[in-house]
Amino acid sequence: MRWAIRDAVWKTVGKWVDSKARIQENHDKVVAQVKTITEADVAKFEVMDTQMQDGGFVVKVRVSVSKKKIAPKFAEIFPDVFGNE
């Protein structure tokens, strides 16, 4: 589930930051910040489905990412996008 939340945040940050080049330029910093994301950093999440598959679990999660909630973690990397939240 944590991976699903972090993946949703990664994709959302990529949408808010208008340039893929800027994301790539700051890739390591963005990855480091995304790794710190927890359930408390998203607006809400909901487990939609769970299935056992090949000895592991597949979990489908709906994640609502709030710019206001994650802004403090990304403000230093992208101050023009997250700095005024």
PDB file of N, CA and C in Angstrom:
ATOM      1  N   MET A   1       0.820  -1.181   0.000  1.00  0.00           N
ATOM      2  CA  MET A   1       0.000   0.000   0.000  1.00  0.00           C
ATOM      3  C   MET A   1       0.874   1.259   0.000  1.00  0.00           C
ATOM      4  N   ARG A   2       1.945   1.207   0.767  1.00  0.00           N
ATOM      5  CA  ARG A   2       2.848   2.369   0.807  1.00  0.00           C
ATOM      6  C   ARG A   2       3.396   2.670  -0.584  1.00  0.00           C
ATOM      7  N   TRP A   3       3.726   1.625  -1.331  1.00  0.00           N
ATOM      8  CA  TRP A   3       4.240   1.821  -2.683  1.00  0.00           C
ATOM      9  C   TRP A   3       3.186   2.503  -3.553  1.00  0.00           C
ATOM     10  N   ALA A   4       1.924   2.104  -3.428  1.00  0.00           N
ATOM     11  CA  ALA A   4       0.843   2.708  -4.217  1.00  0.00           C
ATOM     12  C   ALA A   4       0.695   4.194  -3.897  1.00  0.00           C
ATOM     13  N   ILE A   5       0.794   4.533  -2.628  1.00  0.00           N
ATOM     14  CA  ILE A   5       0.696   5.932  -2.211  1.00  0.00           C
ATOM     15  C   ILE A   5       1.869   6.733  -2.768  1.00  0.00           C
ATOM     16  N   ARG A   6       3.062   6.194  -2.661  1.00  0.00           N
ATOM     17  CA  ARG A   6       4.241   6.896  -3.179  1.00  0.00           C
ATOM     18  C   ARG A   6       4.181   7.038  -4.695  1.00  0.00           C
ATOM     19  N   ASP A   7       3.690   6.012  -5.373  1.00  0.00           N
ATOM     20  CA  ASP A   7       3.556   6.077  -6.824  1.00  0.00           C
ATOM     21  C   ASP A   7       2.559   7.170  -7.219  1.00  0.00           C
ATOM     22  N   ALA A   8       1.461   7.263  -6.492  1.00  0.00           N
ATOM     23  CA  ALA A   8       0.463   8.308  -6.774  1.00  0.00           C
ATOM     24  C   ALA A   8       1.061   9.697  -6.564  1.00  0.00           C
ATOM     25  N   VAL A   9       1.841   9.856  -5.509  1.00  0.00           N
ATOM     26  CA  VAL A   9       2.483  11.152  -5.247  1.00  0.00           C
ATOM     27  C   VAL A   9       3.480  11.472  -6.358  1.00  0.00           C
ATOM     28  N   TRP A  10       4.282  10.508  -6.756  1.00  0.00           N
ATOM     29  CA  TRP A  10       5.261  10.708  -7.830  1.00  0.00           C
ATOM     30  C   TRP A  10       4.567  11.189  -9.100  1.00  0.00           C
ATOM     31  N   LYS A  11       3.496  10.508  -9.488  1.00  0.00           N
ATOM     32  CA  LYS A  11       2.771  10.885 -10.703  1.00  0.00           C
ATOM     33  C   LYS A  11       2.139  12.271 -10.569  1.00  0.00           C
ATOM     34  N   THR A  12       1.632  12.572  -9.405  1.00  0.00           N
ATOM     35  CA  THR A  12       0.985  13.859  -9.189  1.00  0.00           C
ATOM     36  C   THR A  12       1.994  15.000  -9.213  1.00  0.00           C
ATOM     37  N   VAL A  13       3.129  14.819  -8.568  1.00  0.00           N
ATOM     38  CA  VAL A  13       4.180  15.844  -8.606  1.00  0.00           C
ATOM     39  C   VAL A  13       4.589  16.077 -10.059  1.00  0.00           C
ATOM     40  N   GLY A  14       4.707  15.009 -10.826  1.00  0.00           N
ATOM     41  CA  GLY A  14       5.048  15.136 -12.240  1.00  0.00           C
ATOM     42  C   GLY A  14       4.029  15.941 -13.027  1.00  0.00           C
ATOM     43  N   LYS A  15       2.768  15.866 -12.642  1.00  0.00           N
ATOM     44  CA  LYS A  15       1.733  16.645 -13.328  1.00  0.00           C
ATOM     45  C   LYS A  15       1.786  18.114 -12.922  1.00  0.00           C
ATOM     46  N   TRP A  16       2.061  18.385 -11.638  1.00  0.00           N
ATOM     47  CA  TRP A  16       2.108  19.772 -11.177  1.00  0.00           C
ATOM     48  C   TRP A  16       3.351  20.492 -11.674  1.00  0.00           C
ATOM     49  N   VAL A  17       4.465  19.773 -11.748  1.00  0.00           N
ATOM     50  CA  VAL A  17       5.700  20.366 -12.265  1.00  0.00           C
ATOM     51  C   VAL A  17       5.604  20.264 -13.779  1.00  0.00           C
ATOM     52  N   ASP A  18       5.542  21.385 -14.441  1.00  0.00           N
ATOM     53  CA  ASP A  18       5.167  21.443 -15.849  1.00  0.00           C
ATOM     54  C   ASP A  18       6.185  20.891 -16.826  1.00  0.00           C
ATOM     55  N   SER A  19       7.349  20.500 -16.373  1.00  0.00           N
ATOM     56  CA  SER A  19       8.394  20.058 -17.295  1.00  0.00           C
ATOM     57  C   SER A  19       9.018  18.746 -16.840  1.00  0.00           C
ATOM     58  N   LYS A  20       9.021  17.775 -17.742  1.00  0.00           N
ATOM     59  CA  LYS A  20       9.672  16.496 -17.431  1.00  0.00           C
ATOM     60  C   LYS A  20      11.172  16.698 -17.233  1.00  0.00           C
ATOM     61  N   ALA A  21      11.739  17.661 -17.937  1.00  0.00           N
ATOM     62  CA  ALA A  21      13.170  17.945 -17.791  1.00  0.00           C
ATOM     63  C   ALA A  21      13.478  18.396 -16.365  1.00  0.00           C
ATOM     64  N   ARG A  22      12.586  19.198 -15.772  1.00  0.00           N
ATOM     65  CA  ARG A  22      12.791  19.650 -14.392  1.00  0.00           C
ATOM     66  C   ARG A  22      12.714  18.484 -13.416  1.00  0.00           C
ATOM     67  N   ILE A  23      11.813  17.562 -13.678  1.00  0.00           N
ATOM     68  CA  ILE A  23      11.705  16.375 -12.821  1.00  0.00           C
ATOM     69  C   ILE A  23      12.991  15.562 -12.938  1.00  0.00           C
ATOM     70  N   GLN A  24      13.460  15.317 -14.158  1.00  0.00           N
ATOM     71  CA  GLN A  24      14.682  14.536 -14.362  1.00  0.00           C
ATOM     72  C   GLN A  24      15.905  15.220 -13.759  1.00  0.00           C
ATOM     73  N   GLU A  25      15.961  16.542 -13.888  1.00  0.00           N
ATOM     74  CA  GLU A  25      17.070  17.325 -13.343  1.00  0.00           C
ATOM     75  C   GLU A  25      17.161  17.169 -11.819  1.00  0.00           C
ATOM     76  N   ASN A  26      16.022  17.010 -11.181  1.00  0.00           N
ATOM     77  CA  ASN A  26      15.949  16.888  -9.727  1.00  0.00           C
ATOM     78  C   ASN A  26      15.546  15.484  -9.286  1.00  0.00           C
ATOM     79  N   HIS A  27      15.765  14.506 -10.152  1.00  0.00           N
ATOM     80  CA  HIS A  27      15.292  13.141  -9.940  1.00  0.00           C
ATOM     81  C   HIS A  27      15.649  12.583  -8.572  1.00  0.00           C
ATOM     82  N   ASP A  28      16.915  12.655  -8.200  1.00  0.00           N
ATOM     83  CA  ASP A  28      17.349  12.070  -6.927  1.00  0.00           C
ATOM     84  C   ASP A  28      16.674  12.739  -5.731  1.00  0.00           C
ATOM     85  N   LYS A  29      16.535  14.067  -5.791  1.00  0.00           N
ATOM     86  CA  LYS A  29      15.866  14.789  -4.699  1.00  0.00           C
ATOM     87  C   LYS A  29      14.390  14.421  -4.620  1.00  0.00           C
ATOM     88  N   VAL A  30      13.749  14.316  -5.782  1.00  0.00           N
ATOM     89  CA  VAL A  30      12.330  13.961  -5.807  1.00  0.00           C
ATOM     90  C   VAL A  30      12.139  12.547  -5.276  1.00  0.00           C
ATOM     91  N   VAL A  31      12.968  11.617  -5.719  1.00  0.00           N
ATOM     92  CA  VAL A  31      12.877  10.235  -5.236  1.00  0.00           C
ATOM     93  C   VAL A  31      13.064  10.190  -3.724  1.00  0.00           C
ATOM     94  N   ALA A  32      14.038  10.923  -3.216  1.00  0.00           N
ATOM     95  CA  ALA A  32      14.278  10.944  -1.767  1.00  0.00           C
ATOM     96  C   ALA A  32      13.055  11.459  -1.021  1.00  0.00           C
ATOM     97  N   GLN A  33      12.416  12.503  -1.545  1.00  0.00           N
ATOM     98  CA  GLN A  33      11.224  13.047  -0.887  1.00  0.00           C
ATOM     99  C   GLN A  33      10.047  12.095  -0.992  1.00  0.00           C
ATOM    100  N   VAL A  34       9.863  11.494  -2.138  1.00  0.00           N
ATOM    101  CA  VAL A  34       8.751  10.553  -2.313  1.00  0.00           C
ATOM    102  C   VAL A  34       8.902   9.394  -1.339  1.00  0.00           C
ATOM    103  N   LYS A  35      10.114   8.964  -1.090  1.00  0.00           N
ATOM    104  CA  LYS A  35      10.341   7.859  -0.148  1.00  0.00           C
ATOM    105  C   LYS A  35       9.933   8.216   1.273  1.00  0.00           C
ATOM    106  N   THR A  36       9.827   9.502   1.587  1.00  0.00           N
ATOM    107  CA  THR A  36       9.420   9.905   2.938  1.00  0.00           C
ATOM    108  C   THR A  36       7.904  10.014   3.080  1.00  0.00           C
ATOM    109  N   ILE A  37       7.179   9.879   1.978  1.00  0.00           N
ATOM    110  CA  ILE A  37       5.720  10.033   1.995  1.00  0.00           C
ATOM    111  C   ILE A  37       5.081   8.887   2.773  1.00  0.00           C
ATOM    112  N   THR A  38       4.144   9.241   3.624  1.00  0.00           N
ATOM    113  CA  THR A  38       3.383   8.247   4.383  1.00  0.00           C
ATOM    114  C   THR A  38       1.899   8.475   4.157  1.00  0.00           C
ATOM    115  N   GLU A  39       1.113   7.626   4.746  1.00  0.00           N
ATOM    116  CA  GLU A  39      -0.343   7.758   4.647  1.00  0.00           C
ATOM    117  C   GLU A  39      -0.817   9.120   5.163  1.00  0.00           C
ATOM    118  N   ALA A  40      -0.110   9.690   6.122  1.00  0.00           N
ATOM    119  CA  ALA A  40      -0.487  10.991   6.690  1.00  0.00           C
ATOM    120  C   ALA A  40      -0.266  12.147   5.716  1.00  0.00           C
ATOM    121  N   ASP A  41       0.516  11.922   4.672  1.00  0.00           N
ATOM    122  CA  ASP A  41       0.846  12.984   3.728  1.00  0.00           C
ATOM    123  C   ASP A  41      -0.107  13.086   2.538  1.00  0.00           C
ATOM    124  N   VAL A  42      -1.091  12.220   2.467  1.00  0.00           N
ATOM    125  CA  VAL A  42      -2.071  12.296   1.390  1.00  0.00           C
ATOM    126  C   VAL A  42      -3.425  12.671   1.981  1.00  0.00           C
ATOM    127  N   ALA A  43      -4.285  13.230   1.148  1.00  0.00           N
ATOM    128  CA  ALA A  43      -5.594  13.663   1.642  1.00  0.00           C
ATOM    129  C   ALA A  43      -6.407  12.480   2.146  1.00  0.00           C
ATOM    130  N   LYS A  44      -6.418  11.412   1.357  1.00  0.00           N
ATOM    131  CA  LYS A  44      -7.083  10.188   1.792  1.00  0.00           C
ATOM    132  C   LYS A  44      -6.678   9.055   0.870  1.00  0.00           C
ATOM    133  N   PHE A  45      -6.900   7.847   1.337  1.00  0.00           N
ATOM    134  CA  PHE A  45      -6.669   6.678   0.503  1.00  0.00           C
ATOM    135  C   PHE A  45      -7.702   5.629   0.881  1.00  0.00           C
ATOM    136  N   GLU A  46      -8.005   4.795  -0.089  1.00  0.00           N
ATOM    137  CA  GLU A  46      -9.018   3.773   0.122  1.00  0.00           C
ATOM    138  C   GLU A  46      -8.562   2.487  -0.562  1.00  0.00           C
ATOM    139  N   VAL A  47      -8.551   1.402   0.167  1.00  0.00           N
ATOM    140  CA  VAL A  47      -8.226   0.107  -0.413  1.00  0.00           C
ATOM    141  C   VAL A  47      -9.452  -0.358  -1.193  1.00  0.00           C
ATOM    142  N   MET A  48      -9.282  -0.527  -2.487  1.00  0.00           N
ATOM    143  CA  MET A  48     -10.392  -0.904  -3.363  1.00  0.00           C
ATOM    144  C   MET A  48     -10.520  -2.415  -3.498  1.00  0.00           C
ATOM    145  N   ASP A  49      -9.385  -3.121  -3.484  1.00  0.00           N
ATOM    146  CA  ASP A  49      -9.406  -4.562  -3.703  1.00  0.00           C
ATOM    147  C   ASP A  49      -8.088  -5.152  -3.224  1.00  0.00           C
ATOM    148  N   THR A  50      -8.146  -6.372  -2.743  1.00  0.00           N
ATOM    149  CA  THR A  50      -6.935  -7.119  -2.410  1.00  0.00           C
ATOM    150  C   THR A  50      -7.082  -8.524  -2.978  1.00  0.00           C
ATOM    151  N   GLN A  51      -5.985  -9.040  -3.482  1.00  0.00           N
ATOM    152  CA  GLN A  51      -5.972 -10.391  -4.018  1.00  0.00           C
ATOM    153  C   GLN A  51      -4.640 -11.050  -3.682  1.00  0.00           C
ATOM    154  N   MET A  52      -4.694 -12.334  -3.411  1.00  0.00           N
ATOM    155  CA  MET A  52      -3.470 -13.085  -3.217  1.00  0.00           C
ATOM    156  C   MET A  52      -3.036 -13.595  -4.585  1.00  0.00           C
ATOM    157  N   GLN A  53      -1.769 -13.399  -4.913  1.00  0.00           N
ATOM    158  CA  GLN A  53      -1.282 -13.777  -6.226  1.00  0.00           C
ATOM    159  C   GLN A  53       0.168 -14.221  -6.121  1.00  0.00           C
ATOM    160  N   ASP A  54       0.443 -15.416  -6.548  1.00  0.00           N
ATOM    161  CA  ASP A  54       1.814 -15.952  -6.544  1.00  0.00           C
ATOM    162  C   ASP A  54       2.487 -15.837  -5.181  1.00  0.00           C
ATOM    163  N   GLY A  55       1.748 -16.099  -4.130  1.00  0.00           N
ATOM    164  CA  GLY A  55       2.306 -16.063  -2.789  1.00  0.00           C
ATOM    165  C   GLY A  55       2.416 -14.676  -2.181  1.00  0.00           C
ATOM    166  N   GLY A  56       1.969 -13.657  -2.885  1.00  0.00           N
ATOM    167  CA  GLY A  56       2.007 -12.292  -2.374  1.00  0.00           C
ATOM    168  C   GLY A  56       0.636 -11.662  -2.513  1.00  0.00           C
ATOM    169  N   PHE A  57       0.536 -10.404  -2.149  1.00  0.00           N
ATOM    170  CA  PHE A  57      -0.732  -9.696  -2.239  1.00  0.00           C
ATOM    171  C   PHE A  57      -0.666  -8.613  -3.296  1.00  0.00           C
ATOM    172  N   VAL A  58      -1.756  -8.465  -4.016  1.00  0.00           N
ATOM    173  CA  VAL A  58      -1.941  -7.356  -4.950  1.00  0.00           C
ATOM    174  C   VAL A  58      -3.029  -6.492  -4.336  1.00  0.00           C
ATOM    175  N   VAL A  59      -2.711  -5.224  -4.112  1.00  0.00           N
ATOM    176  CA  VAL A  59      -3.650  -4.317  -3.472  1.00  0.00           C
ATOM    177  C   VAL A  59      -3.936  -3.163  -4.429  1.00  0.00           C
ATOM    178  N   LYS A  60      -5.214  -2.920  -4.678  1.00  0.00           N
ATOM    179  CA  LYS A  60      -5.636  -1.800  -5.504  1.00  0.00           C
ATOM    180  C   LYS A  60      -6.076  -0.689  -4.556  1.00  0.00           C
ATOM    181  N   VAL A  61      -5.425   0.476  -4.683  1.00  0.00           N
ATOM    182  CA  VAL A  61      -5.663   1.574  -3.752  1.00  0.00           C
ATOM    183  C   VAL A  61      -6.033   2.836  -4.536  1.00  0.00           C
ATOM    184  N   ARG A  62      -7.052   3.544  -4.081  1.00  0.00           N
ATOM    185  CA  ARG A  62      -7.404   4.862  -4.638  1.00  0.00           C
ATOM    186  C   ARG A  62      -6.789   5.900  -3.706  1.00  0.00           C
ATOM    187  N   VAL A  63      -5.951   6.756  -4.262  1.00  0.00           N
ATOM    188  CA  VAL A  63      -5.221   7.732  -3.461  1.00  0.00           C
ATOM    189  C   VAL A  63      -5.599   9.137  -3.912  1.00  0.00           C
ATOM    190  N   SER A  64      -5.954   9.990  -2.969  1.00  0.00           N
ATOM    191  CA  SER A  64      -6.215  11.403  -3.248  1.00  0.00           C
ATOM    192  C   SER A  64      -5.043  12.206  -2.704  1.00  0.00           C
ATOM    193  N   VAL A  65      -4.306  12.833  -3.614  1.00  0.00           N
ATOM    194  CA  VAL A  65      -3.117  13.598  -3.239  1.00  0.00           C
ATOM    195  C   VAL A  65      -3.491  15.066  -3.165  1.00  0.00           C
ATOM    196  N   SER A  66      -3.226  15.684  -2.028  1.00  0.00           N
ATOM    197  CA  SER A  66      -3.492  17.098  -1.825  1.00  0.00           C
ATOM    198  C   SER A  66      -2.195  17.887  -1.962  1.00  0.00           C
ATOM    199  N   LYS A  67      -2.201  18.853  -2.860  1.00  0.00           N
ATOM    200  CA  LYS A  67      -1.016  19.692  -3.039  1.00  0.00           C
ATOM    201  C   LYS A  67      -0.628  20.359  -1.719  1.00  0.00           C
ATOM    202  N   LYS A  68      -1.619  20.801  -0.988  1.00  0.00           N
ATOM    203  CA  LYS A  68      -1.357  21.476   0.289  1.00  0.00           C
ATOM    204  C   LYS A  68      -0.664  20.546   1.292  1.00  0.00           C
ATOM    205  N   LYS A  69      -1.030  19.269   1.286  1.00  0.00           N
ATOM    206  CA  LYS A  69      -0.431  18.327   2.230  1.00  0.00           C
ATOM    207  C   LYS A  69       1.018  17.982   1.884  1.00  0.00           C
ATOM    208  N   ILE A  70       1.316  17.851   0.586  1.00  0.00           N
ATOM    209  CA  ILE A  70       2.680  17.441   0.228  1.00  0.00           C
ATOM    210  C   ILE A  70       3.609  18.621  -0.052  1.00  0.00           C
ATOM    211  N   ALA A  71       3.047  19.824  -0.152  1.00  0.00           N
ATOM    212  CA  ALA A  71       3.855  21.007  -0.481  1.00  0.00           C
ATOM    213  C   ALA A  71       5.086  21.185   0.405  1.00  0.00           C
ATOM    214  N   PRO A  72       4.969  21.013   1.735  1.00  0.00           N
ATOM    215  CA  PRO A  72       6.161  21.225   2.563  1.00  0.00           C
ATOM    216  C   PRO A  72       7.337  20.304   2.200  1.00  0.00           C
ATOM    217  N   LYS A  73       7.043  19.117   1.711  1.00  0.00           N
ATOM    218  CA  LYS A  73       8.122  18.183   1.373  1.00  0.00           C
ATOM    219  C   LYS A  73       8.800  18.519   0.051  1.00  0.00           C
ATOM    220  N   PHE A  74       8.098  19.215  -0.837  1.00  0.00           N
ATOM    221  CA  PHE A  74       8.648  19.499  -2.156  1.00  0.00           C
ATOM    222  C   PHE A  74       8.955  20.978  -2.393  1.00  0.00           C
ATOM    223  N   ALA A  75       8.695  21.836  -1.415  1.00  0.00           N
ATOM    224  CA  ALA A  75       8.881  23.281  -1.582  1.00  0.00           C
ATOM    225  C   ALA A  75      10.333  23.661  -1.863  1.00  0.00           C
ATOM    226  N   GLU A  76      11.270  22.980  -1.263  1.00  0.00           N
ATOM    227  CA  GLU A  76      12.679  23.310  -1.481  1.00  0.00           C
ATOM    228  C   GLU A  76      13.132  22.926  -2.889  1.00  0.00           C
ATOM    229  N   ILE A  77      12.584  21.842  -3.413  1.00  0.00           N
ATOM    230  CA  ILE A  77      12.983  21.370  -4.753  1.00  0.00           C
ATOM    231  C   ILE A  77      12.325  22.221  -5.845  1.00  0.00           C
ATOM    232  N   PHE A  78      11.031  22.507  -5.678  1.00  0.00           N
ATOM    233  CA  PHE A  78      10.270  23.269  -6.666  1.00  0.00           C
ATOM    234  C   PHE A  78       9.545  24.417  -5.983  1.00  0.00           C
ATOM    235  N   PRO A  79      10.266  25.450  -5.559  1.00  0.00           N
ATOM    236  CA  PRO A  79       9.632  26.536  -4.807  1.00  0.00           C
ATOM    237  C   PRO A  79       8.554  27.282  -5.591  1.00  0.00           C
ATOM    238  N   ASP A  80       8.694  27.347  -6.900  1.00  0.00           N
ATOM    239  CA  ASP A  80       7.691  28.043  -7.716  1.00  0.00           C
ATOM    240  C   ASP A  80       6.366  27.272  -7.770  1.00  0.00           C
ATOM    241  N   VAL A  81       6.403  25.988  -7.548  1.00  0.00           N
ATOM    242  CA  VAL A  81       5.196  25.162  -7.616  1.00  0.00           C
ATOM    243  C   VAL A  81       4.610  24.925  -6.216  1.00  0.00           C
ATOM    244  N   PHE A  82       5.483  24.656  -5.242  1.00  0.00           N
ATOM    245  CA  PHE A  82       5.023  24.261  -3.904  1.00  0.00           C
ATOM    246  C   PHE A  82       5.351  25.259  -2.802  1.00  0.00           C
ATOM    247  N   GLY A  83       6.059  26.320  -3.119  1.00  0.00           N
ATOM    248  CA  GLY A  83       6.546  27.238  -2.107  1.00  0.00           C
ATOM    249  C   GLY A  83       5.521  28.146  -1.445  1.00  0.00           C
ATOM    250  N   ASN A  84       4.400  28.359  -2.095  1.00  0.00           N
ATOM    251  CA  ASN A  84       3.417  29.292  -1.548  1.00  0.00           C
ATOM    252  C   ASN A  84       2.202  28.603  -0.942  1.00  0.00           C
ATOM    253  N   GLU A  85       2.327  27.355  -0.654  1.00  0.00           N
ATOM    254  CA  GLU A  85       1.161  26.603  -0.118  1.00  0.00           C
ATOM    255  C   GLU A  85       1.032  26.814   1.361  1.00  0.00           C
TER     256      GLU A  85
END
